[in-house]
Amino acid sequence: MRLTVFGATGGVGREVVRQALAAGHEVTAVVRNPARLAATGTRLVVRRAEDLSDPGELRAAIAGRDAVLSGLGARSRADAGVAARLTRSVLAAMEAEKVRRLLVVSAAPLGPVPAGRALVDRAAVAVVGAVLKDVHADLRAMEADLAASDADWTAVRPPRLTDGPGTGRYRTVVAGTPPRGRFLARADVAHAMLAMIDDPSTVKQGVGVAY
């Protein structure tokens, strides 16, 4: 497949690029600073975009692609608003180029509360939700924009991310949240995103992913 990856120098984005190349896909990585992208290969094209909020600047990277994968999002509370703002630009560029498939990274707290969650888990989620209130509001706005679009989108919702090695052994719940799912390696988030590209059951859905 021909894939475009936004946020390609972030934790999940780097893994998406690496694993996609290893699987034989053609990858266009959109970055602000190419020096931060360690991946190389004959099937990799690196496109520098100074202004990711300008859909016109993104169109060339999206034209003719089979799918777009995005790891764009706030890296800190101070960055809240980035996910929704930049994803709107990606959606506009995709619409202009008639590319429909989009997979983005969201977060588990945006999904439904799994049945039987223990009170201690609920308390922990409430604390995290309070601390990351602005970040989660940003992701909710992003998911609302996805739902209002014509794109064939999927919002992948992992819990707390780690830098551990990928295992390929994780649970996914379409329109739900895996019970007792507390952690997931960024490498496995990337693995899940790539696996969902051609899975019709995930189209226009939030998908909970966790160990």
N, C-alpha and C. Protein backbone atom coordinates (compact mmCIF):
# COMPACT_ATOMS: atom_id res chain seq x y z
N MET A 1 0.84 -1.20 0.00
CA MET A 1 0.00 0.00 0.00
C MET A 1 0.87 1.25 0.00
N ARG A 2 0.28 2.33 -0.43
CA ARG A 2 0.94 3.65 -0.42
C ARG A 2 0.36 4.45 0.74
N LEU A 3 1.19 4.73 1.72
CA LEU A 3 0.75 5.35 2.96
C LEU A 3 1.41 6.70 3.18
N THR A 4 0.66 7.61 3.79
CA THR A 4 1.23 8.87 4.26
C THR A 4 1.13 8.89 5.78
N VAL A 5 2.21 9.30 6.44
CA VAL A 5 2.24 9.32 7.90
C VAL A 5 2.52 10.74 8.38
N PHE A 6 1.61 11.28 9.18
CA PHE A 6 1.81 12.56 9.84
C PHE A 6 2.25 12.30 11.28
N GLY A 7 3.03 13.23 11.83
CA GLY A 7 3.59 12.99 13.15
C GLY A 7 4.63 11.90 13.11
N ALA A 8 5.36 11.83 12.01
CA ALA A 8 6.27 10.71 11.77
C ALA A 8 7.51 10.73 12.65
N THR A 9 7.78 11.83 13.35
CA THR A 9 8.93 11.86 14.26
C THR A 9 8.51 11.68 15.71
N GLY A 10 7.21 11.50 15.96
CA GLY A 10 6.73 11.23 17.31
C GLY A 10 6.88 9.77 17.68
N GLY A 11 6.56 9.43 18.92
CA GLY A 11 6.75 8.07 19.39
C GLY A 11 5.99 7.03 18.60
N VAL A 12 4.70 7.26 18.35
CA VAL A 12 3.90 6.32 17.56
C VAL A 12 4.23 6.44 16.08
N GLY A 13 4.37 7.68 15.61
CA GLY A 13 4.63 7.90 14.19
C GLY A 13 5.90 7.23 13.70
N ARG A 14 6.96 7.30 14.50
CA ARG A 14 8.22 6.64 14.12
C ARG A 14 8.02 5.14 13.95
N GLU A 15 7.21 4.55 14.85
CA GLU A 15 6.95 3.12 14.76
C GLU A 15 6.09 2.77 13.56
N VAL A 16 5.13 3.63 13.25
CA VAL A 16 4.31 3.39 12.06
C VAL A 16 5.19 3.37 10.81
N VAL A 17 6.07 4.35 10.70
CA VAL A 17 6.97 4.40 9.54
C VAL A 17 7.85 3.16 9.48
N ARG A 18 8.47 2.81 10.61
CA ARG A 18 9.39 1.68 10.63
C ARG A 18 8.68 0.38 10.28
N GLN A 19 7.53 0.13 10.89
CA GLN A 19 6.83 -1.12 10.66
C GLN A 19 6.22 -1.17 9.27
N ALA A 20 5.74 -0.05 8.76
CA ALA A 20 5.17 -0.02 7.42
C ALA A 20 6.24 -0.34 6.37
N LEU A 21 7.42 0.24 6.53
CA LEU A 21 8.51 -0.06 5.60
C LEU A 21 8.91 -1.52 5.69
N ALA A 22 8.98 -2.06 6.91
CA ALA A 22 9.35 -3.46 7.09
C ALA A 22 8.34 -4.39 6.44
N ALA A 23 7.08 -3.95 6.38
CA ALA A 23 6.02 -4.76 5.78
C ALA A 23 5.95 -4.60 4.26
N GLY A 24 6.80 -3.73 3.71
CA GLY A 24 6.85 -3.57 2.26
C GLY A 24 5.99 -2.47 1.69
N HIS A 25 5.41 -1.63 2.55
CA HIS A 25 4.59 -0.52 2.07
C HIS A 25 5.46 0.63 1.57
N GLU A 26 4.90 1.46 0.69
CA GLU A 26 5.53 2.71 0.29
C GLU A 26 5.05 3.78 1.26
N VAL A 27 5.98 4.51 1.86
CA VAL A 27 5.65 5.45 2.92
C VAL A 27 6.11 6.87 2.57
N THR A 28 5.19 7.82 2.71
CA THR A 28 5.54 9.24 2.66
C THR A 28 5.42 9.77 4.08
N ALA A 29 6.53 10.21 4.63
CA ALA A 29 6.55 10.74 5.99
C ALA A 29 6.57 12.26 5.93
N VAL A 30 5.59 12.88 6.57
CA VAL A 30 5.49 14.34 6.58
C VAL A 30 6.05 14.84 7.91
N VAL A 31 7.08 15.68 7.83
CA VAL A 31 7.77 16.13 9.03
C VAL A 31 8.11 17.61 8.93
N ARG A 32 8.30 18.24 10.08
CA ARG A 32 8.81 19.61 10.10
C ARG A 32 10.33 19.61 10.00
N ASN A 33 10.97 18.63 10.65
CA ASN A 33 12.42 18.57 10.69
C ASN A 33 12.88 17.19 10.24
N PRO A 34 13.29 17.02 8.99
CA PRO A 34 13.71 15.70 8.50
C PRO A 34 14.86 15.09 9.29
N ALA A 35 15.68 15.91 9.94
CA ALA A 35 16.81 15.39 10.70
C ALA A 35 16.37 14.52 11.87
N ARG A 36 15.14 14.69 12.32
CA ARG A 36 14.64 13.92 13.46
C ARG A 36 14.10 12.56 13.05
N LEU A 37 14.05 12.27 11.74
CA LEU A 37 13.52 10.99 11.27
C LEU A 37 14.69 10.07 10.95
N ALA A 38 14.80 8.99 11.71
CA ALA A 38 15.93 8.09 11.55
C ALA A 38 15.70 7.05 10.45
N ALA A 39 14.47 6.79 10.10
CA ALA A 39 14.17 5.75 9.12
C ALA A 39 14.72 6.10 7.74
N THR A 40 15.15 5.07 7.04
CA THR A 40 15.62 5.22 5.67
C THR A 40 15.11 4.05 4.84
N GLY A 41 15.21 4.17 3.53
CA GLY A 41 14.81 3.07 2.66
C GLY A 41 14.36 3.57 1.31
N THR A 42 14.41 2.69 0.34
CA THR A 42 14.04 3.07 -1.03
C THR A 42 12.56 3.32 -1.17
N ARG A 43 11.77 2.79 -0.25
CA ARG A 43 10.32 2.99 -0.32
C ARG A 43 9.84 4.15 0.55
N LEU A 44 10.79 4.91 1.09
CA LEU A 44 10.45 6.03 1.96
C LEU A 44 10.70 7.36 1.25
N VAL A 45 9.68 8.22 1.28
CA VAL A 45 9.80 9.60 0.80
C VAL A 45 9.54 10.51 2.00
N VAL A 46 10.45 11.43 2.24
CA VAL A 46 10.29 12.37 3.34
C VAL A 46 9.92 13.73 2.78
N ARG A 47 8.80 14.26 3.23
CA ARG A 47 8.34 15.58 2.79
C ARG A 47 8.35 16.54 3.97
N ARG A 48 9.03 17.64 3.78
CA ARG A 48 9.08 18.65 4.83
C ARG A 48 7.89 19.59 4.68
N ALA A 49 7.18 19.82 5.76
CA ALA A 49 6.03 20.73 5.77
C ALA A 49 6.23 21.74 6.88
N GLU A 50 6.45 22.97 6.53
CA GLU A 50 6.68 24.01 7.53
C GLU A 50 5.41 24.36 8.29
N ASP A 51 4.27 24.31 7.58
CA ASP A 51 3.00 24.71 8.18
C ASP A 51 1.97 23.60 8.01
N LEU A 52 1.86 22.76 9.03
CA LEU A 52 0.91 21.64 8.96
C LEU A 52 -0.53 22.10 9.05
N SER A 53 -0.76 23.36 9.38
CA SER A 53 -2.14 23.87 9.45
C SER A 53 -2.64 24.35 8.10
N ASP A 54 -1.81 24.28 7.07
CA ASP A 54 -2.19 24.72 5.73
C ASP A 54 -2.50 23.50 4.87
N PRO A 55 -3.78 23.22 4.59
CA PRO A 55 -4.12 22.04 3.79
C PRO A 55 -3.44 22.03 2.44
N GLY A 56 -3.25 23.20 1.85
CA GLY A 56 -2.61 23.27 0.55
C GLY A 56 -1.20 22.72 0.56
N GLU A 57 -0.51 22.90 1.69
CA GLU A 57 0.86 22.41 1.80
C GLU A 57 0.92 20.90 1.99
N LEU A 58 -0.22 20.31 2.36
CA LEU A 58 -0.24 18.88 2.64
C LEU A 58 -0.71 18.04 1.46
N ARG A 59 -1.31 18.67 0.48
CA ARG A 59 -1.96 17.91 -0.59
C ARG A 59 -0.99 17.04 -1.38
N ALA A 60 0.19 17.54 -1.67
CA ALA A 60 1.14 16.75 -2.46
C ALA A 60 1.55 15.47 -1.75
N ALA A 61 1.60 15.52 -0.43
CA ALA A 61 1.99 14.34 0.35
C ALA A 61 0.86 13.31 0.41
N ILE A 62 -0.36 13.75 0.18
CA ILE A 62 -1.54 12.88 0.30
C ILE A 62 -2.01 12.34 -1.05
N ALA A 63 -1.72 13.06 -2.10
CA ALA A 63 -2.22 12.69 -3.43
C ALA A 63 -1.82 11.26 -3.80
N GLY A 64 -2.83 10.48 -4.21
CA GLY A 64 -2.57 9.12 -4.68
C GLY A 64 -2.31 8.10 -3.60
N ARG A 65 -2.47 8.47 -2.35
CA ARG A 65 -2.23 7.52 -1.25
C ARG A 65 -3.44 6.61 -1.03
N ASP A 66 -3.17 5.43 -0.52
CA ASP A 66 -4.24 4.50 -0.16
C ASP A 66 -4.80 4.79 1.22
N ALA A 67 -3.96 5.33 2.11
CA ALA A 67 -4.41 5.63 3.47
C ALA A 67 -3.46 6.64 4.09
N VAL A 68 -4.00 7.37 5.07
CA VAL A 68 -3.24 8.34 5.85
C VAL A 68 -3.29 7.90 7.30
N LEU A 69 -2.14 7.91 7.97
CA LEU A 69 -2.06 7.56 9.38
C LEU A 69 -1.46 8.74 10.13
N SER A 70 -2.08 9.11 11.24
CA SER A 70 -1.64 10.31 11.96
C SER A 70 -1.37 10.04 13.42
N GLY A 71 -0.18 10.44 13.84
CA GLY A 71 0.16 10.43 15.25
C GLY A 71 0.20 11.83 15.82
N LEU A 72 -0.42 12.78 15.12
CA LEU A 72 -0.42 14.17 15.56
C LEU A 72 -1.19 14.33 16.87
N GLY A 73 -0.64 15.11 17.76
CA GLY A 73 -1.32 15.35 19.02
C GLY A 73 -0.44 16.12 19.98
N ALA A 74 -1.03 16.52 21.08
CA ALA A 74 -0.31 17.30 22.08
C ALA A 74 0.73 16.43 22.79
N ARG A 75 1.95 16.95 22.90
CA ARG A 75 2.99 16.26 23.65
C ARG A 75 3.01 16.70 25.11
N SER A 76 2.28 17.76 25.41
CA SER A 76 2.16 18.25 26.78
C SER A 76 0.85 19.00 26.89
N ARG A 77 0.46 19.34 28.12
CA ARG A 77 -0.78 20.09 28.33
C ARG A 77 -0.74 21.43 27.62
N ALA A 78 0.44 21.99 27.50
CA ALA A 78 0.58 23.30 26.85
C ALA A 78 0.27 23.22 25.36
N ASP A 79 0.37 22.02 24.78
CA ASP A 79 0.11 21.85 23.34
C ASP A 79 -1.35 21.54 23.04
N ALA A 80 -2.21 21.49 24.04
CA ALA A 80 -3.62 21.14 23.82
C ALA A 80 -4.23 22.02 22.74
N GLY A 81 -4.92 21.40 21.81
CA GLY A 81 -5.51 22.09 20.67
C GLY A 81 -4.86 21.69 19.37
N VAL A 82 -3.66 21.12 19.47
CA VAL A 82 -2.90 20.74 18.27
C VAL A 82 -3.60 19.63 17.48
N ALA A 83 -4.09 18.61 18.17
CA ALA A 83 -4.67 17.46 17.49
C ALA A 83 -5.85 17.87 16.62
N ALA A 84 -6.78 18.61 17.18
CA ALA A 84 -7.96 19.02 16.41
C ALA A 84 -7.59 19.96 15.27
N ARG A 85 -6.74 20.93 15.56
CA ARG A 85 -6.40 21.93 14.55
C ARG A 85 -5.68 21.30 13.35
N LEU A 86 -4.69 20.47 13.61
CA LEU A 86 -3.93 19.89 12.52
C LEU A 86 -4.70 18.79 11.80
N THR A 87 -5.53 18.05 12.53
CA THR A 87 -6.32 17.01 11.87
C THR A 87 -7.34 17.63 10.92
N ARG A 88 -7.86 18.81 11.25
CA ARG A 88 -8.76 19.50 10.31
C ARG A 88 -8.04 19.79 8.99
N SER A 89 -6.78 20.16 9.08
CA SER A 89 -6.01 20.42 7.86
C SER A 89 -5.81 19.15 7.06
N VAL A 90 -5.51 18.05 7.75
CA VAL A 90 -5.35 16.77 7.07
C VAL A 90 -6.64 16.35 6.39
N LEU A 91 -7.76 16.50 7.09
CA LEU A 91 -9.06 16.16 6.49
C LEU A 91 -9.35 16.99 5.26
N ALA A 92 -9.06 18.28 5.32
CA ALA A 92 -9.30 19.15 4.17
C ALA A 92 -8.44 18.75 2.98
N ALA A 93 -7.17 18.42 3.24
CA ALA A 93 -6.28 18.00 2.16
C ALA A 93 -6.73 16.66 1.58
N MET A 94 -7.17 15.75 2.43
CA MET A 94 -7.67 14.46 1.95
C MET A 94 -8.90 14.63 1.09
N GLU A 95 -9.81 15.50 1.51
CA GLU A 95 -11.02 15.73 0.71
C GLU A 95 -10.66 16.31 -0.65
N ALA A 96 -9.71 17.23 -0.67
CA ALA A 96 -9.30 17.84 -1.94
C ALA A 96 -8.67 16.81 -2.87
N GLU A 97 -7.97 15.83 -2.32
CA GLU A 97 -7.29 14.82 -3.13
C GLU A 97 -8.10 13.54 -3.28
N LYS A 98 -9.31 13.52 -2.71
CA LYS A 98 -10.20 12.36 -2.80
C LYS A 98 -9.55 11.09 -2.22
N VAL A 99 -8.86 11.27 -1.12
CA VAL A 99 -8.32 10.13 -0.36
C VAL A 99 -9.20 9.98 0.88
N ARG A 100 -9.66 8.76 1.16
CA ARG A 100 -10.71 8.61 2.17
C ARG A 100 -10.24 7.97 3.47
N ARG A 101 -9.27 7.05 3.44
CA ARG A 101 -8.95 6.28 4.64
C ARG A 101 -7.99 7.04 5.55
N LEU A 102 -8.41 7.22 6.81
CA LEU A 102 -7.62 7.95 7.80
C LEU A 102 -7.67 7.23 9.14
N LEU A 103 -6.50 7.01 9.73
CA LEU A 103 -6.41 6.43 11.07
C LEU A 103 -5.62 7.39 11.95
N VAL A 104 -6.16 7.71 13.13
CA VAL A 104 -5.52 8.66 14.03
C VAL A 104 -5.37 8.05 15.42
N VAL A 105 -4.44 8.61 16.18
CA VAL A 105 -4.27 8.20 17.58
C VAL A 105 -5.11 9.12 18.46
N SER A 106 -5.97 8.52 19.28
CA SER A 106 -6.76 9.27 20.26
C SER A 106 -6.36 8.75 21.65
N ALA A 107 -7.32 8.53 22.53
CA ALA A 107 -6.98 8.07 23.89
C ALA A 107 -8.13 7.30 24.50
N ALA A 108 -7.81 6.32 25.33
CA ALA A 108 -8.80 5.45 25.94
C ALA A 108 -9.90 6.18 26.70
N PRO A 109 -9.60 7.28 27.44
CA PRO A 109 -10.67 7.94 28.18
C PRO A 109 -11.81 8.47 27.32
N LEU A 110 -11.62 8.56 26.01
CA LEU A 110 -12.69 9.02 25.14
C LEU A 110 -13.66 7.90 24.79
N GLY A 111 -13.28 6.67 25.08
CA GLY A 111 -14.15 5.54 24.81
C GLY A 111 -15.09 5.28 25.96
N PRO A 112 -16.05 4.37 25.79
CA PRO A 112 -16.99 4.04 26.87
C PRO A 112 -16.28 3.34 28.01
N VAL A 113 -16.81 3.49 29.21
CA VAL A 113 -16.24 2.83 30.38
C VAL A 113 -16.60 1.35 30.32
N PRO A 114 -15.59 0.45 30.37
CA PRO A 114 -15.89 -0.98 30.28
C PRO A 114 -16.70 -1.45 31.48
N ALA A 115 -17.58 -2.40 31.23
CA ALA A 115 -18.41 -2.94 32.31
C ALA A 115 -17.54 -3.60 33.37
N GLY A 116 -17.92 -3.41 34.61
CA GLY A 116 -17.22 -4.07 35.69
C GLY A 116 -15.92 -3.42 36.11
N ARG A 117 -15.65 -2.21 35.62
CA ARG A 117 -14.41 -1.54 36.03
C ARG A 117 -14.42 -1.31 37.54
N ALA A 118 -13.34 -1.67 38.19
CA ALA A 118 -13.24 -1.54 39.64
C ALA A 118 -13.25 -0.08 40.05
N LEU A 119 -13.71 0.15 41.29
CA LEU A 119 -13.77 1.52 41.79
C LEU A 119 -12.40 2.17 41.80
N VAL A 120 -11.35 1.39 42.12
CA VAL A 120 -10.02 1.97 42.13
C VAL A 120 -9.60 2.42 40.75
N ASP A 121 -10.01 1.66 39.72
CA ASP A 121 -9.72 2.06 38.34
C ASP A 121 -10.47 3.33 37.98
N ARG A 122 -11.72 3.41 38.40
CA ARG A 122 -12.51 4.60 38.10
C ARG A 122 -11.89 5.83 38.74
N ALA A 123 -11.39 5.67 39.96
CA ALA A 123 -10.75 6.80 40.65
C ALA A 123 -9.49 7.23 39.92
N ALA A 124 -8.69 6.24 39.47
CA ALA A 124 -7.46 6.57 38.75
C ALA A 124 -7.77 7.29 37.45
N VAL A 125 -8.79 6.82 36.73
CA VAL A 125 -9.18 7.46 35.48
C VAL A 125 -9.64 8.89 35.72
N ALA A 126 -10.37 9.10 36.81
CA ALA A 126 -10.85 10.44 37.14
C ALA A 126 -9.71 11.40 37.40
N VAL A 127 -8.68 10.91 38.10
CA VAL A 127 -7.51 11.75 38.40
C VAL A 127 -6.78 12.10 37.11
N VAL A 128 -6.53 11.09 36.28
CA VAL A 128 -5.85 11.34 35.01
C VAL A 128 -6.67 12.28 34.14
N GLY A 129 -7.99 12.08 34.13
CA GLY A 129 -8.85 12.94 33.34
C GLY A 129 -8.79 14.39 33.77
N ALA A 130 -8.69 14.61 35.07
CA ALA A 130 -8.60 15.98 35.58
C ALA A 130 -7.28 16.62 35.18
N VAL A 131 -6.19 15.86 35.27
CA VAL A 131 -4.87 16.39 34.93
C VAL A 131 -4.77 16.70 33.44
N LEU A 132 -5.35 15.82 32.62
CA LEU A 132 -5.24 15.96 31.16
C LEU A 132 -6.54 16.48 30.54
N LYS A 133 -7.27 17.27 31.30
CA LYS A 133 -8.56 17.75 30.84
C LYS A 133 -8.47 18.45 29.49
N ASP A 134 -7.51 19.35 29.32
CA ASP A 134 -7.39 20.11 28.08
C ASP A 134 -6.97 19.22 26.91
N VAL A 135 -6.08 18.27 27.19
CA VAL A 135 -5.64 17.35 26.13
C VAL A 135 -6.80 16.50 25.66
N HIS A 136 -7.61 15.99 26.59
CA HIS A 136 -8.74 15.16 26.21
C HIS A 136 -9.82 15.98 25.50
N ALA A 137 -10.00 17.23 25.90
CA ALA A 137 -10.94 18.10 25.19
C ALA A 137 -10.50 18.29 23.75
N ASP A 138 -9.20 18.42 23.54
CA ASP A 138 -8.64 18.54 22.19
C ASP A 138 -8.96 17.30 21.37
N LEU A 139 -8.76 16.12 21.97
CA LEU A 139 -9.04 14.87 21.25
C LEU A 139 -10.53 14.70 20.98
N ARG A 140 -11.37 15.15 21.91
CA ARG A 140 -12.83 15.07 21.66
C ARG A 140 -13.21 15.95 20.48
N ALA A 141 -12.61 17.13 20.41
CA ALA A 141 -12.88 18.01 19.27
C ALA A 141 -12.40 17.36 17.97
N MET A 142 -11.24 16.72 18.02
CA MET A 142 -10.73 16.02 16.85
C MET A 142 -11.68 14.92 16.41
N GLU A 143 -12.15 14.11 17.37
CA GLU A 143 -13.06 13.02 17.01
C GLU A 143 -14.40 13.55 16.49
N ALA A 144 -14.85 14.68 17.00
CA ALA A 144 -16.08 15.28 16.49
C ALA A 144 -15.90 15.71 15.04
N ASP A 145 -14.74 16.25 14.72
CA ASP A 145 -14.46 16.64 13.34
C ASP A 145 -14.40 15.41 12.43
N LEU A 146 -13.82 14.33 12.94
CA LEU A 146 -13.79 13.10 12.15
C LEU A 146 -15.21 12.63 11.85
N ALA A 147 -16.05 12.61 12.89
CA ALA A 147 -17.42 12.12 12.73
C ALA A 147 -18.22 12.96 11.75
N ALA A 148 -17.90 14.25 11.67
CA ALA A 148 -18.63 15.15 10.76
C ALA A 148 -18.07 15.12 9.34
N SER A 149 -16.98 14.42 9.13
CA SER A 149 -16.33 14.41 7.82
C SER A 149 -16.84 13.26 6.96
N ASP A 150 -16.44 13.27 5.71
CA ASP A 150 -16.76 12.17 4.79
C ASP A 150 -15.68 11.10 4.76
N ALA A 151 -14.64 11.27 5.56
CA ALA A 151 -13.53 10.33 5.56
C ALA A 151 -13.94 8.98 6.14
N ASP A 152 -13.25 7.94 5.72
CA ASP A 152 -13.39 6.62 6.33
C ASP A 152 -12.37 6.53 7.46
N TRP A 153 -12.74 7.11 8.60
CA TRP A 153 -11.79 7.30 9.68
C TRP A 153 -11.87 6.19 10.72
N THR A 154 -10.78 6.06 11.47
CA THR A 154 -10.74 5.23 12.67
C THR A 154 -9.93 5.97 13.72
N ALA A 155 -10.48 6.10 14.92
CA ALA A 155 -9.77 6.70 16.04
C ALA A 155 -9.29 5.58 16.96
N VAL A 156 -7.99 5.38 17.01
CA VAL A 156 -7.40 4.32 17.83
C VAL A 156 -7.16 4.88 19.23
N ARG A 157 -7.74 4.22 20.24
CA ARG A 157 -7.76 4.76 21.60
C ARG A 157 -6.97 3.89 22.57
N PRO A 158 -5.67 4.12 22.68
CA PRO A 158 -4.88 3.37 23.65
C PRO A 158 -4.94 3.98 25.04
N PRO A 159 -4.58 3.21 26.07
CA PRO A 159 -4.45 3.75 27.43
C PRO A 159 -3.06 4.39 27.56
N ARG A 160 -2.49 4.35 28.75
CA ARG A 160 -1.17 4.94 28.98
C ARG A 160 -0.13 4.29 28.06
N LEU A 161 0.66 5.12 27.38
CA LEU A 161 1.64 4.62 26.43
C LEU A 161 2.99 4.39 27.09
N THR A 162 3.69 3.34 26.62
CA THR A 162 5.03 3.05 27.09
C THR A 162 5.96 2.93 25.90
N ASP A 163 7.26 2.91 26.18
CA ASP A 163 8.27 2.75 25.12
C ASP A 163 8.79 1.33 25.06
N GLY A 164 8.05 0.39 25.59
CA GLY A 164 8.48 -1.00 25.56
C GLY A 164 8.44 -1.57 24.15
N PRO A 165 9.00 -2.76 23.97
CA PRO A 165 8.99 -3.39 22.65
C PRO A 165 7.59 -3.84 22.25
N GLY A 166 7.34 -3.86 20.96
CA GLY A 166 6.06 -4.35 20.48
C GLY A 166 5.94 -5.85 20.67
N THR A 167 4.73 -6.30 20.96
CA THR A 167 4.49 -7.73 21.17
C THR A 167 3.55 -8.31 20.13
N GLY A 168 2.70 -7.47 19.55
CA GLY A 168 1.67 -7.97 18.65
C GLY A 168 0.55 -8.68 19.38
N ARG A 169 0.62 -8.68 20.71
CA ARG A 169 -0.40 -9.37 21.52
C ARG A 169 -1.13 -8.32 22.36
N TYR A 170 -2.24 -7.88 21.87
CA TYR A 170 -3.04 -6.86 22.53
C TYR A 170 -4.50 -7.11 22.19
N ARG A 171 -5.38 -6.46 22.92
CA ARG A 171 -6.82 -6.62 22.68
C ARG A 171 -7.37 -5.38 21.99
N THR A 172 -8.32 -5.58 21.11
CA THR A 172 -9.02 -4.47 20.47
C THR A 172 -10.52 -4.65 20.65
N VAL A 173 -11.20 -3.53 20.87
CA VAL A 173 -12.66 -3.55 20.98
C VAL A 173 -13.21 -2.41 20.13
N VAL A 174 -13.91 -2.75 19.08
CA VAL A 174 -14.51 -1.73 18.22
C VAL A 174 -15.66 -1.08 18.97
N ALA A 175 -15.67 0.24 19.02
CA ALA A 175 -16.70 1.02 19.72
C ALA A 175 -16.73 0.68 21.20
N GLY A 176 -15.58 0.28 21.75
CA GLY A 176 -15.53 -0.08 23.16
C GLY A 176 -14.15 0.10 23.73
N THR A 177 -13.96 -0.41 24.94
CA THR A 177 -12.70 -0.28 25.66
C THR A 177 -12.35 -1.62 26.29
N PRO A 178 -11.16 -2.16 26.05
CA PRO A 178 -10.79 -3.43 26.70
C PRO A 178 -10.80 -3.28 28.23
N PRO A 179 -11.49 -4.16 28.94
CA PRO A 179 -11.49 -4.07 30.40
C PRO A 179 -10.10 -4.31 30.96
N ARG A 180 -9.79 -3.59 32.03
CA ARG A 180 -8.52 -3.72 32.73
C ARG A 180 -7.32 -3.43 31.83
N GLY A 181 -7.54 -2.64 30.79
CA GLY A 181 -6.44 -2.27 29.90
C GLY A 181 -5.77 -1.00 30.37
N ARG A 182 -4.58 -1.11 30.92
CA ARG A 182 -3.92 0.05 31.54
C ARG A 182 -2.74 0.58 30.74
N PHE A 183 -2.09 -0.28 29.94
CA PHE A 183 -0.88 0.13 29.25
C PHE A 183 -0.88 -0.41 27.82
N LEU A 184 -0.07 0.23 26.98
CA LEU A 184 0.19 -0.29 25.64
C LEU A 184 1.46 0.38 25.11
N ALA A 185 2.34 -0.42 24.55
CA ALA A 185 3.56 0.14 23.96
C ALA A 185 3.23 0.89 22.68
N ARG A 186 3.95 1.96 22.45
CA ARG A 186 3.75 2.73 21.23
C ARG A 186 3.95 1.86 19.99
N ALA A 187 4.86 0.91 20.07
CA ALA A 187 5.08 0.01 18.94
C ALA A 187 3.83 -0.81 18.63
N ASP A 188 3.08 -1.19 19.67
CA ASP A 188 1.86 -1.96 19.43
C ASP A 188 0.70 -1.07 18.98
N VAL A 189 0.70 0.20 19.36
CA VAL A 189 -0.28 1.13 18.80
C VAL A 189 -0.08 1.21 17.29
N ALA A 190 1.17 1.36 16.88
CA ALA A 190 1.48 1.42 15.45
C ALA A 190 1.07 0.13 14.75
N HIS A 191 1.37 -1.00 15.38
CA HIS A 191 1.01 -2.31 14.80
C HIS A 191 -0.51 -2.39 14.60
N ALA A 192 -1.25 -1.95 15.61
CA ALA A 192 -2.72 -2.00 15.52
C ALA A 192 -3.23 -1.09 14.41
N MET A 193 -2.67 0.11 14.30
CA MET A 193 -3.11 1.04 13.25
C MET A 193 -2.90 0.44 11.86
N LEU A 194 -1.74 -0.15 11.65
CA LEU A 194 -1.47 -0.74 10.34
C LEU A 194 -2.39 -1.92 10.07
N ALA A 195 -2.70 -2.70 11.10
CA ALA A 195 -3.58 -3.85 10.93
C ALA A 195 -5.01 -3.45 10.62
N MET A 196 -5.41 -2.26 11.07
CA MET A 196 -6.79 -1.81 10.88
C MET A 196 -7.03 -1.12 9.54
N ILE A 197 -6.00 -0.84 8.79
CA ILE A 197 -6.18 -0.06 7.56
C ILE A 197 -7.25 -0.67 6.66
N ASP A 198 -7.18 -1.98 6.46
CA ASP A 198 -8.13 -2.62 5.54
C ASP A 198 -9.18 -3.46 6.28
N ASP A 199 -9.44 -3.09 7.54
CA ASP A 199 -10.46 -3.78 8.34
C ASP A 199 -11.75 -2.94 8.31
N PRO A 200 -12.76 -3.36 7.54
CA PRO A 200 -13.97 -2.55 7.40
C PRO A 200 -14.74 -2.36 8.70
N SER A 201 -14.55 -3.26 9.67
CA SER A 201 -15.30 -3.14 10.93
C SER A 201 -14.84 -1.94 11.76
N THR A 202 -13.68 -1.38 11.43
CA THR A 202 -13.16 -0.25 12.20
C THR A 202 -13.46 1.10 11.56
N VAL A 203 -14.07 1.09 10.38
CA VAL A 203 -14.33 2.35 9.66
C VAL A 203 -15.42 3.15 10.38
N LYS A 204 -15.13 4.43 10.58
CA LYS A 204 -16.02 5.36 11.28
C LYS A 204 -16.31 4.90 12.71
N GLN A 205 -15.25 4.40 13.36
CA GLN A 205 -15.39 3.88 14.72
C GLN A 205 -14.19 4.31 15.57
N GLY A 206 -14.43 4.44 16.87
CA GLY A 206 -13.35 4.48 17.83
C GLY A 206 -13.04 3.06 18.24
N VAL A 207 -11.76 2.74 18.35
CA VAL A 207 -11.37 1.37 18.68
C VAL A 207 -10.45 1.40 19.89
N GLY A 208 -10.87 0.77 20.98
CA GLY A 208 -10.03 0.65 22.17
C GLY A 208 -8.98 -0.41 21.96
N VAL A 209 -7.76 -0.11 22.35
CA VAL A 209 -6.64 -1.05 22.18
C VAL A 209 -5.83 -1.05 23.49
N ALA A 210 -5.54 -2.25 24.00
CA ALA A 210 -4.77 -2.34 25.25
C ALA A 210 -4.28 -3.76 25.45
N TYR A 211 -3.32 -3.94 26.34
CA TYR A 211 -2.89 -5.29 26.72
C TYR A 211 -3.96 -5.93 27.59
